Amino acid sequence: MSLNNYRDEAGDFLNKIGAKNDGSNTNEKISMLEEEFNILKEVTNNPDKLKHQIYDMLFILFEIASDYKFDIDNEWDKGRKHKQEKYISK
């Protein structure tokens, strides 16, 4: 499945729960990411909790991508190409 599908899934979820999906609460979502990241650091020795934290963080990132209608697939491809050129193709 494409990353844009996950972005759209997160956007659909926000719409269904009546949450803002317009970028107006990005700072709040970044605060949520910081909280989730702190939890992530605490659970590194527990694979089940670790994978759940990664999911939580990804979902918030997909929410932000949905807010701004970012093309995540395109960004992933650009990032992959950049990493290839910077680290592997030397």
Protein backbone atom coordinates (compact mmCIF):
# COMPACT_ATOMS: atom_id res chain seq x y z
CA MET A 1 0.00 0.00 0.00
CA SER A 2 1.27 3.47 -0.74
CA LEU A 3 2.15 5.91 2.02
CA ASN A 4 -0.48 8.27 0.63
CA ASN A 5 -3.09 5.62 1.42
CA TYR A 6 -2.06 5.77 5.08
CA ARG A 7 -2.17 9.58 4.92
CA ASP A 8 -5.70 9.36 3.54
CA GLU A 9 -6.71 6.80 6.18
CA ALA A 10 -5.54 9.18 8.91
CA GLY A 11 -7.45 12.04 7.28
CA ASP A 12 -10.61 9.92 7.04
CA PHE A 13 -10.25 9.06 10.73
CA LEU A 14 -9.93 12.74 11.65
CA ASN A 15 -13.03 13.56 9.61
CA LYS A 16 -15.04 10.74 11.21
CA ILE A 17 -14.27 11.92 14.72
CA GLY A 18 -14.90 15.56 13.81
CA ALA A 19 -11.31 16.65 14.41
CA LYS A 20 -9.74 19.55 12.58
CA ASN A 21 -7.93 18.44 9.45
CA ASP A 22 -6.73 21.80 8.18
CA GLY A 23 -3.28 22.34 9.67
CA SER A 24 -4.58 24.66 12.38
CA ASN A 25 -3.52 22.33 15.18
CA THR A 26 -0.10 21.28 13.91
CA ASN A 27 1.63 22.54 17.05
CA GLU A 28 -0.69 20.37 19.16
CA LYS A 29 0.16 17.35 17.03
CA ILE A 30 3.87 18.08 17.35
CA SER A 31 3.41 18.19 21.12
CA MET A 32 1.70 14.81 20.88
CA LEU A 33 4.67 13.52 18.88
CA GLU A 34 7.05 14.77 21.57
CA GLU A 35 5.02 12.94 24.22
CA GLU A 36 4.97 9.76 22.14
CA PHE A 37 8.72 10.07 21.52
CA ASN A 38 9.37 10.31 25.25
CA ILE A 39 7.35 7.15 25.76
CA LEU A 40 9.26 5.51 22.90
CA LYS A 41 12.54 6.17 24.70
CA GLU A 42 11.16 4.50 27.83
CA VAL A 43 10.02 1.29 26.13
CA THR A 44 13.06 0.37 24.05
CA ASN A 45 13.42 -2.90 25.98
CA ASN A 46 9.83 -3.96 25.32
CA PRO A 47 9.30 -4.86 21.64
CA ASP A 48 5.49 -4.93 21.89
CA LYS A 49 5.29 -1.47 23.42
CA LEU A 50 8.01 -0.20 21.11
CA LYS A 51 6.15 -1.21 17.97
CA HIS A 52 2.94 0.32 19.30
CA GLN A 53 4.74 3.62 19.95
CA ILE A 54 6.11 3.60 16.43
CA TYR A 55 2.55 3.09 15.16
CA ASP A 56 1.27 5.98 17.30
CA MET A 57 3.98 8.29 16.02
CA LEU A 58 3.47 7.29 12.40
CA PHE A 59 -0.27 7.88 12.68
CA ILE A 60 0.29 11.40 14.00
CA LEU A 61 2.73 12.07 11.17
CA PHE A 62 0.17 10.82 8.66
CA GLU A 63 -2.40 13.12 10.27
CA ILE A 64 -0.09 16.09 9.71
CA ALA A 65 0.54 14.96 6.13
CA SER A 66 -3.21 14.77 5.62
CA ASP A 67 -3.73 18.24 7.06
CA TYR A 68 -1.43 19.68 4.41
CA LYS A 69 -2.27 17.16 1.67
CA PHE A 70 1.41 16.28 1.31
CA ASP A 71 2.37 13.72 -1.32
CA ILE A 72 4.25 11.36 0.99
CA ASP A 73 5.03 8.84 -1.76
CA ASN A 74 6.78 11.54 -3.77
CA GLU A 75 8.70 12.73 -0.72
CA TRP A 76 9.72 9.15 0.11
CA ASP A 77 11.04 8.66 -3.43
CA LYS A 78 13.00 11.92 -3.29
CA GLY A 79 14.44 10.99 0.12
CA ARG A 80 15.38 7.49 -1.06
CA LYS A 81 17.17 8.94 -4.09
CA HIS A 82 19.00 11.47 -1.92
CA LYS A 83 20.17 8.77 0.53
CA GLN A 84 21.30 6.58 -2.35
CA GLU A 85 23.36 9.39 -3.84
CA LYS A 86 24.75 10.55 -0.50
CA TYR A 87 25.59 7.25 1.19
CA ILE A 88 25.74 4.42 -1.34
CA SER A 89 26.77 5.84 -4.69
CA LYS A 90 30.01 7.38 -3.45
